[in-house]
C-alpha atoms as a PDB file:
ATOM      1  CA  MET A   1     163.368 247.306 122.605  1.00  0.00           C
ATOM      2  CA  ASN A   2     163.472 251.069 122.976  1.00  0.00           C
ATOM      3  CA  LEU A   3     165.333 252.872 120.228  1.00  0.00           C
ATOM      4  CA  TYR A   4     166.361 256.536 120.403  1.00  0.00           C
ATOM      5  CA  TYR A   5     167.809 258.449 117.455  1.00  0.00           C
ATOM      6  CA  PHE A   6     170.507 260.995 118.306  1.00  0.00           C
ATOM      7  CA  ASP A   7     168.254 263.862 117.201  1.00  0.00           C
ATOM      8  CA  GLN A   8     165.669 262.819 119.841  1.00  0.00           C
ATOM      9  CA  ILE A   9     168.051 263.043 122.816  1.00  0.00           C
ATOM     10  CA  THR A  10     167.378 265.733 125.427  1.00  0.00           C
ATOM     11  CA  LYS A  11     168.624 266.378 128.954  1.00  0.00           C
ATOM     12  CA  GLU A  12     165.966 263.962 130.233  1.00  0.00           C
ATOM     13  CA  HIS A  13     167.702 260.992 128.552  1.00  0.00           C
ATOM     14  CA  SER A  14     170.654 260.487 130.931  1.00  0.00           C
ATOM     15  CA  PHE A  15     169.474 256.866 131.380  1.00  0.00           C
ATOM     16  CA  LEU A  16     171.032 256.158 127.963  1.00  0.00           C
ATOM     17  CA  GLY A  17     174.528 256.049 129.472  1.00  0.00           C
ATOM     18  CA  GLY A  18     177.268 258.640 129.248  1.00  0.00           C
ATOM     19  CA  LYS A  19     178.376 257.886 125.706  1.00  0.00           C
ATOM     20  CA  GLY A  20     174.943 257.737 124.067  1.00  0.00           C
ATOM     21  CA  PHE A  21     173.523 260.618 126.089  1.00  0.00           C
ATOM     22  CA  THR A  22     176.469 262.927 125.354  1.00  0.00           C
ATOM     23  CA  LEU A  23     176.597 262.087 121.644  1.00  0.00           C
ATOM     24  CA  GLY A  24     172.891 262.887 121.324  1.00  0.00           C
ATOM     25  CA  LEU A  25     173.210 266.178 123.202  1.00  0.00           C
ATOM     26  CA  MET A  26     176.213 267.196 121.121  1.00  0.00           C
ATOM     27  CA  LYS A  27     174.402 266.325 117.877  1.00  0.00           C
ATOM     28  CA  ASN A  28     171.441 268.471 118.922  1.00  0.00           C
ATOM     29  CA  ALA A  29     173.739 271.343 119.915  1.00  0.00           C
ATOM     30  CA  GLY A  30     175.039 271.494 116.342  1.00  0.00           C
ATOM     31  CA  PHE A  31     178.334 269.638 116.697  1.00  0.00           C
ATOM     32  CA  PRO A  32     179.340 267.577 113.627  1.00  0.00           C
ATOM     33  CA  ILE A  33     178.492 264.206 115.193  1.00  0.00           C
ATOM     34  CA  PRO A  34     177.859 261.319 112.760  1.00  0.00           C
ATOM     35  CA  ASP A  35     174.263 260.058 112.916  1.00  0.00           C
ATOM     36  CA  GLY A  36     173.384 257.253 115.236  1.00  0.00           C
ATOM     37  CA  LEU A  37     170.882 255.614 117.511  1.00  0.00           C
ATOM     38  CA  ILE A  38     170.820 254.060 120.959  1.00  0.00           C
ATOM     39  CA  LEU A  39     169.219 250.777 121.981  1.00  0.00           C
ATOM     40  CA  THR A  40     168.160 250.223 125.588  1.00  0.00           C
ATOM     41  CA  THR A  41     167.545 246.471 125.295  1.00  0.00           C
ATOM     42  CA  PRO A  42     168.565 243.799 122.792  1.00  0.00           C
ATOM     43  CA  PRO A  43     166.230 243.515 119.784  1.00  0.00           C
ATOM     44  CA  GLU A  44     164.093 240.387 120.100  1.00  0.00           C
ATOM     45  CA  SER A  45     161.776 240.380 117.083  1.00  0.00           C
ATOM     46  CA  SER A  46     162.337 240.651 113.359  1.00  0.00           C
ATOM     47  CA  ASN A  47     160.403 243.959 113.415  1.00  0.00           C
ATOM     48  CA  GLU A  48     162.867 245.390 115.921  1.00  0.00           C
ATOM     49  CA  TRP A  49     165.832 244.300 113.807  1.00  0.00           C
ATOM     50  CA  ASP A  50     164.085 245.730 110.737  1.00  0.00           C
ATOM     51  CA  ASP A  51     163.902 249.176 112.396  1.00  0.00           C
ATOM     52  CA  ILE A  52     167.670 249.170 112.961  1.00  0.00           C
ATOM     53  CA  LEU A  53     168.495 247.861 109.492  1.00  0.00           C
ATOM     54  CA  LEU A  54     166.091 250.334 107.847  1.00  0.00           C
ATOM     55  CA  TRP A  55     167.866 253.208 109.606  1.00  0.00           C
ATOM     56  CA  TRP A  56     171.246 251.804 108.487  1.00  0.00           C
ATOM     57  CA  LYS A  57     170.080 251.546 104.867  1.00  0.00           C
ATOM     58  CA  SER A  58     168.613 255.081 105.023  1.00  0.00           C
ATOM     59  CA  GLN A  59     172.143 256.254 105.879  1.00  0.00           C
ATOM     60  CA  GLY A  60     173.503 254.554 102.733  1.00  0.00           C
ATOM     61  CA  SER A  61     174.589 251.303 104.468  1.00  0.00           C
ATOM     62  CA  PRO A  62     177.810 252.824 105.829  1.00  0.00           C
ATOM     63  CA  PHE A  63     180.367 251.157 108.037  1.00  0.00           C
ATOM     64  CA  LEU A  64     179.210 251.381 111.650  1.00  0.00           C
ATOM     65  CA  ALA A  65     180.704 251.741 115.106  1.00  0.00           C
ATOM     66  CA  ILE A  66     178.728 249.677 117.623  1.00  0.00           C
ATOM     67  CA  ARG A  67     179.652 250.475 121.213  1.00  0.00           C
ATOM     68  CA  SER A  68     178.502 250.023 124.773  1.00  0.00           C
ATOM     69  CA  SER A  69     176.933 252.897 126.694  1.00  0.00           C
ATOM     70  CA  ALA A  70     176.266 251.508 130.157  1.00  0.00           C
ATOM     71  CA  VAL A  71     174.858 253.762 132.823  1.00  0.00           C
ATOM     72  CA  GLY A  72     177.683 254.691 135.199  1.00  0.00           C
ATOM     73  CA  GLU A  73     180.539 253.969 132.793  1.00  0.00           C
ATOM     74  CA  ASP A  74     182.797 256.904 132.008  1.00  0.00           C
ATOM     75  CA  SER A  75     181.619 259.190 134.783  1.00  0.00           C
ATOM     76  CA  ASN A  76     183.438 262.092 136.425  1.00  0.00           C
ATOM     77  CA  THR A  77     185.196 259.640 138.721  1.00  0.00           C
ATOM     78  CA  GLN A  78     185.563 256.394 136.720  1.00  0.00           C
ATOM     79  CA  SER A  79     186.458 255.360 133.188  1.00  0.00           C
ATOM     80  CA  PHE A  80     185.270 252.033 131.847  1.00  0.00           C
ATOM     81  CA  ALA A  81     187.561 252.230 128.817  1.00  0.00           C
ATOM     82  CA  GLY A  82     188.015 248.713 127.454  1.00  0.00           C
ATOM     83  CA  GLN A  83     185.735 247.027 129.991  1.00  0.00           C
ATOM     84  CA  ASN A  84     182.736 246.615 127.673  1.00  0.00           C
ATOM     85  CA  SER A  85     182.790 245.780 123.969  1.00  0.00           C
ATOM     86  CA  THR A  86     183.231 247.993 120.917  1.00  0.00           C
ATOM     87  CA  PHE A  87     182.963 246.863 117.310  1.00  0.00           C
ATOM     88  CA  LEU A  88     184.264 249.083 114.514  1.00  0.00           C
ATOM     89  CA  ASN A  89     183.793 249.033 110.743  1.00  0.00           C
ATOM     90  CA  VAL A  90     180.749 246.753 110.921  1.00  0.00           C
ATOM     91  CA  SER A  91     179.372 246.541 107.390  1.00  0.00           C
ATOM     92  CA  THR A  92     176.894 243.666 107.015  1.00  0.00           C
ATOM     93  CA  GLU A  93     173.446 242.861 108.387  1.00  0.00           C
ATOM     94  CA  SER A  94     174.742 239.756 110.132  1.00  0.00           C
ATOM     95  CA  GLY A  95     177.704 241.727 111.495  1.00  0.00           C
ATOM     96  CA  ILE A  96     175.379 244.407 112.884  1.00  0.00           C
ATOM     97  CA  LYS A  97     173.226 241.798 114.625  1.00  0.00           C
ATOM     98  CA  LYS A  98     176.232 240.013 116.088  1.00  0.00           C
ATOM     99  CA  ALA A  99     177.929 243.209 117.275  1.00  0.00           C
ATOM    100  CA  ILE A 100     174.778 244.527 118.957  1.00  0.00           C
ATOM    101  CA  ALA A 101     174.174 241.211 120.715  1.00  0.00           C
ATOM    102  CA  ASN A 102     177.811 241.022 121.857  1.00  0.00           C
ATOM    103  CA  CYS A 103     177.788 244.607 123.143  1.00  0.00           C
ATOM    104  CA  PHE A 104     174.812 243.823 125.363  1.00  0.00           C
ATOM    105  CA  LEU A 105     176.490 240.600 126.526  1.00  0.00           C
ATOM    106  CA  SER A 106     179.769 242.393 127.319  1.00  0.00           C
ATOM    107  CA  LEU A 107     178.162 243.735 130.492  1.00  0.00           C
ATOM    108  CA  HIS A 108     178.696 240.208 131.864  1.00  0.00           C
ATOM    109  CA  LYS A 109     182.387 239.901 130.953  1.00  0.00           C
ATOM    110  CA  LYS A 110     184.421 239.051 134.026  1.00  0.00           C
ATOM    111  CA  SER A 111     186.611 242.162 133.777  1.00  0.00           C
ATOM    112  CA  SER A 112     183.566 244.404 133.398  1.00  0.00           C
ATOM    113  CA  SER A 113     181.746 242.762 136.317  1.00  0.00           C
ATOM    114  CA  LEU A 114     184.762 242.994 138.627  1.00  0.00           C
ATOM    115  CA  TYR A 115     185.462 246.599 137.658  1.00  0.00           C
ATOM    116  CA  ARG A 116     181.821 247.544 138.244  1.00  0.00           C
ATOM    117  CA  GLU A 117     181.681 245.817 141.633  1.00  0.00           C
ATOM    118  CA  HIS A 118     184.985 247.309 142.802  1.00  0.00           C
ATOM    119  CA  PHE A 119     184.550 250.916 141.636  1.00  0.00           C
ATOM    120  CA  LEU A 120     180.782 251.406 141.502  1.00  0.00           C
ATOM    121  CA  LYS A 121     179.835 248.967 144.269  1.00  0.00           C
ATOM    122  CA  GLU A 122     177.238 247.667 141.820  1.00  0.00           C
ATOM    123  CA  LYS A 123     176.377 244.115 140.836  1.00  0.00           C
ATOM    124  CA  THR A 124     176.146 243.338 137.122  1.00  0.00           C
ATOM    125  CA  THR A 125     172.535 242.251 137.607  1.00  0.00           C
ATOM    126  CA  ASP A 126     171.740 245.846 138.677  1.00  0.00           C
ATOM    127  CA  ALA A 127     173.632 247.487 135.802  1.00  0.00           C
ATOM    128  CA  LYS A 128     171.883 249.004 132.794  1.00  0.00           C
ATOM    129  CA  MET A 129     173.510 248.500 129.384  1.00  0.00           C
ATOM    130  CA  ASN A 130     172.646 250.510 126.293  1.00  0.00           C
ATOM    131  CA  VAL A 131     174.236 250.159 122.868  1.00  0.00           C
ATOM    132  CA  VAL A 132     175.199 252.990 120.499  1.00  0.00           C
ATOM    133  CA  VAL A 133     175.018 252.295 116.764  1.00  0.00           C
ATOM    134  CA  GLN A 134     176.743 255.107 114.872  1.00  0.00           C
ATOM    135  CA  VAL A 135     177.983 255.920 111.393  1.00  0.00           C
ATOM    136  CA  MET A 136     181.740 255.243 111.332  1.00  0.00           C
ATOM    137  CA  VAL A 137     184.303 257.919 110.501  1.00  0.00           C
ATOM    138  CA  LYS A 138     187.775 257.465 109.030  1.00  0.00           C
ATOM    139  CA  PRO A 139     189.975 259.543 111.307  1.00  0.00           C
ATOM    140  CA  LYS A 140     193.416 260.775 110.368  1.00  0.00           C
ATOM    141  CA  PHE A 141     194.210 260.837 114.079  1.00  0.00           C
ATOM    142  CA  SER A 142     192.526 259.603 117.270  1.00  0.00           C
ATOM    143  CA  GLY A 143     193.257 260.467 120.828  1.00  0.00           C
ATOM    144  CA  VAL A 144     192.326 260.556 124.457  1.00  0.00           C
ATOM    145  CA  PHE A 145     192.130 263.794 126.441  1.00  0.00           C
ATOM    146  CA  PHE A 146     192.462 263.803 130.215  1.00  0.00           C
ATOM    147  CA  SER A 147     191.607 266.912 132.242  1.00  0.00           C
ATOM    148  CA  VAL A 148     193.038 265.238 135.354  1.00  0.00           C
ATOM    149  CA  ASP A 149     196.246 263.221 135.348  1.00  0.00           C
ATOM    150  CA  PRO A 150     195.046 259.624 135.912  1.00  0.00           C
ATOM    151  CA  ARG A 151     198.347 258.744 137.584  1.00  0.00           C
ATOM    152  CA  THR A 152     198.394 261.515 140.191  1.00  0.00           C
ATOM    153  CA  ASN A 153     194.881 263.086 140.225  1.00  0.00           C
ATOM    154  CA  GLU A 154     196.554 266.449 139.589  1.00  0.00           C
ATOM    155  CA  GLU A 155     194.405 268.876 137.589  1.00  0.00           C
ATOM    156  CA  ARG A 156     196.275 269.306 134.308  1.00  0.00           C
ATOM    157  CA  TRP A 157     195.633 268.184 130.773  1.00  0.00           C
ATOM    158  CA  ILE A 158     197.189 265.188 129.041  1.00  0.00           C
ATOM    159  CA  VAL A 159     196.639 264.120 125.437  1.00  0.00           C
ATOM    160  CA  GLU A 160     197.658 260.807 123.888  1.00  0.00           C
ATOM    161  CA  ALA A 161     197.156 260.380 120.144  1.00  0.00           C
ATOM    162  CA  ILE A 162     197.896 258.016 117.273  1.00  0.00           C
ATOM    163  CA  GLU A 163     197.303 257.956 113.534  1.00  0.00           C
ATOM    164  CA  GLY A 164     194.111 256.157 112.505  1.00  0.00           C
ATOM    165  CA  LEU A 165     191.493 254.543 114.730  1.00  0.00           C
ATOM    166  CA  GLY A 166     191.569 254.977 118.488  1.00  0.00           C
ATOM    167  CA  GLU A 167     191.030 251.269 119.069  1.00  0.00           C
ATOM    168  CA  ASP A 168     194.788 250.679 118.687  1.00  0.00           C
ATOM    169  CA  LEU A 169     195.438 253.394 121.273  1.00  0.00           C
ATOM    170  CA  VAL A 170     193.115 252.132 123.999  1.00  0.00           C
ATOM    171  CA  SER A 171     194.088 248.497 123.390  1.00  0.00           C
ATOM    172  CA  GLY A 172     197.788 249.324 123.696  1.00  0.00           C
ATOM    173  CA  LYS A 173     198.627 248.022 120.201  1.00  0.00           C
ATOM    174  CA  LYS A 174     200.250 251.343 119.247  1.00  0.00           C
ATOM    175  CA  THR A 175     202.420 253.618 121.340  1.00  0.00           C
ATOM    176  CA  PRO A 176     200.872 257.089 121.298  1.00  0.00           C
ATOM    177  CA  TRP A 177     202.347 260.526 121.049  1.00  0.00           C
ATOM    178  CA  HIS A 178     202.115 261.997 124.531  1.00  0.00           C
ATOM    179  CA  PHE A 179     201.522 265.677 125.283  1.00  0.00           C
ATOM    180  CA  GLU A 180     200.936 267.176 128.702  1.00  0.00           C
ATOM    181  CA  GLU A 181     200.559 270.463 130.428  1.00  0.00           C
ATOM    182  CA  LYS A 182     203.661 271.514 132.295  1.00  0.00           C
ATOM    183  CA  LYS A 183     202.863 273.728 135.239  1.00  0.00           C
ATOM    184  CA  LEU A 184     205.455 276.392 135.871  1.00  0.00           C
ATOM    185  CA  GLU A 185     206.566 276.695 139.438  1.00  0.00           C
ATOM    186  CA  THR A 186     206.448 280.217 140.782  1.00  0.00           C
END
């Protein structure tokens, strides 16, 4: 298992997947990003699990967000939103172990495999999954920002937001507030 703490991430770490790589770069640029780490393979030994759990305890044993960060997901041309697994508010040692294992396994979910093959022309066996383990936040609001309209490919911004965690937004459980740029015709 290779483990990278956010404060170790540099521009040479793009192999950690878009999510993990970007969070690390933002943390090191001074943005208020909650602490975290990235795993490149599933932990196999008790020593490897101990490293993760020791980090978690050093943070005060907070609730965690455990999320996929596959290479190629969420690129400039494709979004893998909802294709691989995310686990929020994980708060026990057994929960951490289960969530990490299931994030790595989510690469093989049928929807993820089909999406990858169709849009990336990549077989799941060639894909590289990483997992982000990050201190959880309690948001008042969560949202998704689009710089290109996903329905028309027109360059304009769109924001969809809800109160609370974003999981209910991306899963469709809550109807979001919708804001978009209106271009004036001249």
